[in-house]
PDB file of N, CA and C in Angstrom:
ATOM      1  N   UNK A   1     139.257 184.096  67.525  1.00  0.00           N
ATOM      2  CA  UNK A   1     138.245 183.073  67.406  1.00  0.00           C
ATOM      3  C   UNK A   1     137.031 183.487  68.221  1.00  0.00           C
ATOM      4  N   UNK A   2     135.892 182.938  67.858  1.00  0.00           N
ATOM      5  CA  UNK A   2     134.646 183.247  68.557  1.00  0.00           C
ATOM      6  C   UNK A   2     134.159 182.006  69.278  1.00  0.00           C
ATOM      7  N   UNK A   3     133.734 182.207  70.523  1.00  0.00           N
ATOM      8  CA  UNK A   3     133.146 181.129  71.315  1.00  0.00           C
ATOM      9  C   UNK A   3     131.836 181.639  71.909  1.00  0.00           C
ATOM     10  N   UNK A   4     130.979 180.709  72.276  1.00  0.00           N
ATOM     11  CA  UNK A   4     129.707 181.059  72.883  1.00  0.00           C
ATOM     12  C   UNK A   4     129.795 180.727  74.368  1.00  0.00           C
ATOM     13  N   UNK A   5     129.702 181.748  75.214  1.00  0.00           N
ATOM     14  CA  UNK A   5     129.777 181.559  76.662  1.00  0.00           C
ATOM     15  C   UNK A   5     128.456 181.987  77.272  1.00  0.00           C
ATOM     16  N   UNK A   6     127.756 181.037  77.879  1.00  0.00           N
ATOM     17  CA  UNK A   6     126.446 181.287  78.484  1.00  0.00           C
ATOM     18  C   UNK A   6     125.521 182.046  77.534  1.00  0.00           C
ATOM     19  N   UNK A   7     125.538 181.630  76.269  1.00  0.00           N
ATOM     20  CA  UNK A   7     124.640 182.206  75.277  1.00  0.00           C
ATOM     21  C   UNK A   7     125.119 183.481  74.618  1.00  0.00           C
ATOM     22  N   UNK A   8     126.282 184.002  75.016  1.00  0.00           N
ATOM     23  CA  UNK A   8     126.820 185.234  74.434  1.00  0.00           C
ATOM     24  C   UNK A   8     128.077 184.937  73.632  1.00  0.00           C
ATOM     25  N   UNK A   9     128.172 185.500  72.442  1.00  0.00           N
ATOM     26  CA  UNK A   9     129.363 185.330  71.620  1.00  0.00           C
ATOM     27  C   UNK A   9     130.478 186.199  72.178  1.00  0.00           C
ATOM     28  N   UNK A  10     131.636 185.578  72.396  1.00  0.00           N
ATOM     29  CA  UNK A  10     132.811 186.294  72.905  1.00  0.00           C
ATOM     30  C   UNK A  10     133.969 186.076  71.924  1.00  0.00           C
ATOM     31  N   UNK A  11     134.762 187.106  71.734  1.00  0.00           N
ATOM     32  CA  UNK A  11     135.937 187.037  70.879  1.00  0.00           C
ATOM     33  C   UNK A  11     137.160 186.788  71.756  1.00  0.00           C
ATOM     34  N   UNK A  12     137.927 185.769  71.408  1.00  0.00           N
ATOM     35  CA  UNK A  12     139.159 185.454  72.130  1.00  0.00           C
ATOM     36  C   UNK A  12     140.298 185.511  71.120  1.00  0.00           C
ATOM     37  N   UNK A  13     141.293 186.333  71.409  1.00  0.00           N
ATOM     38  CA  UNK A  13     142.358 186.593  70.447  1.00  0.00           C
ATOM     39  C   UNK A  13     143.295 185.406  70.238  1.00  0.00           C
ATOM     40  N   UNK A  14     143.669 184.742  71.327  1.00  0.00           N
ATOM     41  CA  UNK A  14     144.651 183.661  71.203  1.00  0.00           C
ATOM     42  C   UNK A  14     144.106 182.365  71.780  1.00  0.00           C
ATOM     43  N   UNK A  15     144.799 181.279  71.474  1.00  0.00           N
ATOM     44  CA  UNK A  15     144.407 179.973  71.989  1.00  0.00           C
ATOM     45  C   UNK A  15     144.724 179.902  73.481  1.00  0.00           C
ATOM     46  N   UNK A  16     143.725 179.525  74.281  1.00  0.00           N
ATOM     47  CA  UNK A  16     143.920 179.396  75.727  1.00  0.00           C
ATOM     48  C   UNK A  16     143.235 178.119  76.199  1.00  0.00           C
ATOM     49  N   UNK A  17     143.577 177.712  77.415  1.00  0.00           N
ATOM     50  CA  UNK A  17     142.892 176.536  77.962  1.00  0.00           C
ATOM     51  C   UNK A  17     141.710 176.999  78.810  1.00  0.00           C
ATOM     52  N   UNK A  18     140.943 176.050  79.256  1.00  0.00           N
ATOM     53  CA  UNK A  18     139.725 176.362  79.999  1.00  0.00           C
ATOM     54  C   UNK A  18     140.011 177.092  81.311  1.00  0.00           C
ATOM     55  N   UNK A  19     141.057 176.685  82.021  1.00  0.00           N
ATOM     56  CA  UNK A  19     141.423 177.350  83.279  1.00  0.00           C
ATOM     57  C   UNK A  19     141.786 178.822  83.031  1.00  0.00           C
ATOM     58  N   UNK A  20     142.526 179.077  81.957  1.00  0.00           N
ATOM     59  CA  UNK A  20     142.909 180.460  81.622  1.00  0.00           C
ATOM     60  C   UNK A  20     141.684 181.294  81.247  1.00  0.00           C
ATOM     61  N   UNK A  21     140.737 180.672  80.569  1.00  0.00           N
ATOM     62  CA  UNK A  21     139.510 181.382  80.202  1.00  0.00           C
ATOM     63  C   UNK A  21     138.758 181.830  81.447  1.00  0.00           C
ATOM     64  N   UNK A  22     138.624 180.931  82.419  1.00  0.00           N
ATOM     65  CA  UNK A  22     137.933 181.285  83.660  1.00  0.00           C
ATOM     66  C   UNK A  22     138.667 182.395  84.399  1.00  0.00           C
ATOM     67  N   UNK A  23     139.984 182.316  84.410  1.00  0.00           N
ATOM     68  CA  UNK A  23     140.787 183.353  85.064  1.00  0.00           C
ATOM     69  C   UNK A  23     140.607 184.697  84.365  1.00  0.00           C
ATOM     70  N   UNK A  24     140.561 184.675  83.057  1.00  0.00           N
ATOM     71  CA  UNK A  24     140.383 185.909  82.282  1.00  0.00           C
ATOM     72  C   UNK A  24     139.072 186.606  82.641  1.00  0.00           C
ATOM     73  N   UNK A  25     138.047 185.823  82.960  1.00  0.00           N
ATOM     74  CA  UNK A  25     136.755 186.400  83.335  1.00  0.00           C
ATOM     75  C   UNK A  25     136.590 186.511  84.850  1.00  0.00           C
ATOM     76  N   UNK A  26     137.696 186.381  85.591  1.00  0.00           N
ATOM     77  CA  UNK A  26     137.732 186.525  87.050  1.00  0.00           C
ATOM     78  C   UNK A  26     136.733 185.615  87.761  1.00  0.00           C
ATOM     79  N   UNK A  27     136.675 184.368  87.323  1.00  0.00           N
ATOM     80  CA  UNK A  27     135.773 183.403  87.939  1.00  0.00           C
ATOM     81  C   UNK A  27     136.559 182.463  88.841  1.00  0.00           C
ATOM     82  N   UNK A  28     136.110 182.332  90.057  1.00  0.00           N
ATOM     83  CA  UNK A  28     136.754 181.470  91.035  1.00  0.00           C
ATOM     84  C   UNK A  28     136.484 180.009  90.704  1.00  0.00           C
ATOM     85  N   UNK A  29     137.537 179.233  90.562  1.00  0.00           N
ATOM     86  CA  UNK A  29     137.401 177.810  90.240  1.00  0.00           C
ATOM     87  C   UNK A  29     136.623 177.064  91.317  1.00  0.00           C
ATOM     88  N   UNK A  30     136.669 177.557  92.529  1.00  0.00           N
ATOM     89  CA  UNK A  30     135.986 176.885  93.635  1.00  0.00           C
ATOM     90  C   UNK A  30     134.470 177.057  93.575  1.00  0.00           C
ATOM     91  N   UNK A  31     133.996 178.024  92.800  1.00  0.00           N
ATOM     92  CA  UNK A  31     132.570 178.335  92.841  1.00  0.00           C
ATOM     93  C   UNK A  31     131.859 178.172  91.496  1.00  0.00           C
ATOM     94  N   UNK A  32     132.475 177.447  90.554  1.00  0.00           N
ATOM     95  CA  UNK A  32     131.825 177.255  89.257  1.00  0.00           C
ATOM     96  C   UNK A  32     131.917 175.806  88.797  1.00  0.00           C
ATOM     97  N   UNK A  33     131.005 175.464  87.908  1.00  0.00           N
ATOM     98  CA  UNK A  33     131.051 174.202  87.173  1.00  0.00           C
ATOM     99  C   UNK A  33     131.014 174.573  85.692  1.00  0.00           C
ATOM    100  N   UNK A  34     131.655 173.753  84.855  1.00  0.00           N
ATOM    101  CA  UNK A  34     131.774 174.100  83.446  1.00  0.00           C
ATOM    102  C   UNK A  34     131.290 172.956  82.563  1.00  0.00           C
ATOM    103  N   UNK A  35     130.543 173.344  81.538  1.00  0.00           N
ATOM    104  CA  UNK A  35     130.107 172.417  80.505  1.00  0.00           C
ATOM    105  C   UNK A  35     130.681 172.920  79.188  1.00  0.00           C
ATOM    106  N   UNK A  36     131.347 172.046  78.459  1.00  0.00           N
ATOM    107  CA  UNK A  36     131.948 172.402  77.172  1.00  0.00           C
ATOM    108  C   UNK A  36     131.308 171.537  76.097  1.00  0.00           C
ATOM    109  N   UNK A  37     130.640 172.175  75.155  1.00  0.00           N
ATOM    110  CA  UNK A  37     129.962 171.465  74.073  1.00  0.00           C
ATOM    111  C   UNK A  37     129.068 170.344  74.603  1.00  0.00           C
ATOM    112  N   UNK A  38     128.285 170.696  75.618  1.00  0.00           N
ATOM    113  CA  UNK A  38     127.270 169.818  76.231  1.00  0.00           C
ATOM    114  C   UNK A  38     127.845 168.656  77.031  1.00  0.00           C
ATOM    115  N   UNK A  39     129.116 168.763  77.445  1.00  0.00           N
ATOM    116  CA  UNK A  39     129.712 167.755  78.318  1.00  0.00           C
ATOM    117  C   UNK A  39     130.329 168.438  79.528  1.00  0.00           C
ATOM    118  N   UNK A  40     130.015 167.937  80.711  1.00  0.00           N
ATOM    119  CA  UNK A  40     130.583 168.489  81.941  1.00  0.00           C
ATOM    120  C   UNK A  40     132.083 168.204  81.957  1.00  0.00           C
ATOM    121  N   UNK A  41     132.852 169.216  82.346  1.00  0.00           N
ATOM    122  CA  UNK A  41     134.310 169.085  82.391  1.00  0.00           C
ATOM    123  C   UNK A  41     134.757 169.095  83.848  1.00  0.00           C
ATOM    124  N   UNK A  42     135.525 168.090  84.242  1.00  0.00           N
ATOM    125  CA  UNK A  42     136.036 168.020  85.615  1.00  0.00           C
ATOM    126  C   UNK A  42     137.133 169.062  85.813  1.00  0.00           C
ATOM    127  N   UNK A  43     137.196 169.630  87.015  1.00  0.00           N
ATOM    128  CA  UNK A  43     138.191 170.669  87.323  1.00  0.00           C
ATOM    129  C   UNK A  43     139.606 170.212  87.034  1.00  0.00           C
ATOM    130  N   UNK A  44     139.902 168.966  87.327  1.00  0.00           N
ATOM    131  CA  UNK A  44     141.267 168.481  87.123  1.00  0.00           C
ATOM    132  C   UNK A  44     141.663 168.483  85.646  1.00  0.00           C
ATOM    133  N   UNK A  45     140.698 168.600  84.739  1.00  0.00           N
ATOM    134  CA  UNK A  45     140.981 168.603  83.300  1.00  0.00           C
ATOM    135  C   UNK A  45     141.037 170.004  82.689  1.00  0.00           C
ATOM    136  N   UNK A  46     140.696 171.022  83.453  1.00  0.00           N
ATOM    137  CA  UNK A  46     140.615 172.376  82.902  1.00  0.00           C
ATOM    138  C   UNK A  46     141.910 172.851  82.251  1.00  0.00           C
ATOM    139  N   UNK A  47     143.059 172.516  82.833  1.00  0.00           N
ATOM    140  CA  UNK A  47     144.341 172.973  82.270  1.00  0.00           C
ATOM    141  C   UNK A  47     144.698 172.273  80.969  1.00  0.00           C
ATOM    142  N   UNK A  48     144.146 171.114  80.729  1.00  0.00           N
ATOM    143  CA  UNK A  48     144.519 170.350  79.540  1.00  0.00           C
ATOM    144  C   UNK A  48     143.538 170.495  78.376  1.00  0.00           C
ATOM    145  N   UNK A  49     142.472 171.247  78.578  1.00  0.00           N
ATOM    146  CA  UNK A  49     141.471 171.417  77.522  1.00  0.00           C
ATOM    147  C   UNK A  49     141.641 172.784  76.867  1.00  0.00           C
ATOM    148  N   UNK A  50     141.954 172.753  75.579  1.00  0.00           N
ATOM    149  CA  UNK A  50     142.152 173.981  74.818  1.00  0.00           C
ATOM    150  C   UNK A  50     140.823 174.423  74.213  1.00  0.00           C
ATOM    151  N   UNK A  51     140.539 175.708  74.368  1.00  0.00           N
ATOM    152  CA  UNK A  51     139.333 176.293  73.798  1.00  0.00           C
ATOM    153  C   UNK A  51     139.542 176.466  72.296  1.00  0.00           C
ATOM    154  N   UNK A  52     138.548 176.065  71.524  1.00  0.00           N
ATOM    155  CA  UNK A  52     138.631 176.135  70.064  1.00  0.00           C
ATOM    156  C   UNK A  52     137.506 177.016  69.512  1.00  0.00           C
ATOM    157  N   UNK A  53     137.708 177.482  68.285  1.00  0.00           N
ATOM    158  CA  UNK A  53     136.711 178.318  67.633  1.00  0.00           C
ATOM    159  C   UNK A  53     135.359 177.603  67.601  1.00  0.00           C
ATOM    160  N   UNK A  54     134.311 178.331  67.906  1.00  0.00           N
ATOM    161  CA  UNK A  54     132.920 177.877  67.886  1.00  0.00           C
ATOM    162  C   UNK A  54     132.548 176.959  69.048  1.00  0.00           C
ATOM    163  N   UNK A  55     133.423 176.823  70.060  1.00  0.00           N
ATOM    164  CA  UNK A  55     133.068 176.047  71.252  1.00  0.00           C
ATOM    165  C   UNK A  55     131.888 176.711  71.964  1.00  0.00           C
ATOM    166  N   UNK A  56     131.067 175.868  72.596  1.00  0.00           N
ATOM    167  CA  UNK A  56     129.934 176.359  73.386  1.00  0.00           C
ATOM    168  C   UNK A  56     130.215 176.015  74.840  1.00  0.00           C
ATOM    169  N   UNK A  57     130.316 177.059  75.655  1.00  0.00           N
ATOM    170  CA  UNK A  57     130.710 176.901  77.054  1.00  0.00           C
ATOM    171  C   UNK A  57     129.589 177.425  77.941  1.00  0.00           C
ATOM    172  N   UNK A  58     129.209 176.623  78.916  1.00  0.00           N
ATOM    173  CA  UNK A  58     128.251 177.049  79.932  1.00  0.00           C
ATOM    174  C   UNK A  58     128.972 177.053  81.266  1.00  0.00           C
ATOM    175  N   UNK A  59     128.901 178.157  81.962  1.00  0.00           N
ATOM    176  CA  UNK A  59     129.552 178.300  83.270  1.00  0.00           C
ATOM    177  C   UNK A  59     128.451 178.531  84.297  1.00  0.00           C
ATOM    178  N   UNK A  60     128.391 177.625  85.262  1.00  0.00           N
ATOM    179  CA  UNK A  60     127.371 177.709  86.309  1.00  0.00           C
ATOM    180  C   UNK A  60     128.024 178.159  87.594  1.00  0.00           C
ATOM    181  N   UNK A  61     127.488 179.215  88.203  1.00  0.00           N
ATOM    182  CA  UNK A  61     128.013 179.752  89.449  1.00  0.00           C
ATOM    183  C   UNK A  61     127.236 179.169  90.624  1.00  0.00           C
ATOM    184  N   UNK A  62     127.963 178.707  91.621  1.00  0.00           N
ATOM    185  CA  UNK A  62     127.332 178.238  92.842  1.00  0.00           C
ATOM    186  C   UNK A  62     127.178 179.400  93.809  1.00  0.00           C
ATOM    187  N   UNK A  63     126.008 179.500  94.398  1.00  0.00           N
ATOM    188  CA  UNK A  63     125.723 180.577  95.331  1.00  0.00           C
ATOM    189  C   UNK A  63     125.281 179.956  96.650  1.00  0.00           C
ATOM    190  N   UNK A  64     125.927 180.375  97.714  1.00  0.00           N
ATOM    191  CA  UNK A  64     125.572 179.850  99.038  1.00  0.00           C
ATOM    192  C   UNK A  64     124.354 180.562  99.600  1.00  0.00           C
ATOM    193  N   UNK A  65     123.765 179.963 100.554  1.00  0.00           N
ATOM    194  CA  UNK A  65     122.601 180.573 101.180  1.00  0.00           C
ATOM    195  C   UNK A  65     121.962 179.598 102.138  1.00  0.00           C
ATOM    196  N   UNK A  66     120.937 180.039 102.745  1.00  0.00           N
ATOM    197  CA  UNK A  66     120.300 179.083 103.641  1.00  0.00           C
ATOM    198  C   UNK A  66     119.187 179.620 104.402  1.00  0.00           C
TER     199      UNK A  66
END
């Protein structure tokens, strides 16, 4: 299936949940926020949300500084 992640089309072979998708791309759950099809997804829901063909995912990375 194909999904759009931060504006780039990505091919995903099997059905996975949102938490698994982030893990696959080596993204730390503590440092990102996720929007799925224009809706913010709470971290506690990541394991229960299955990624589907043509989903649009935006992943925002938090960067510390000061």
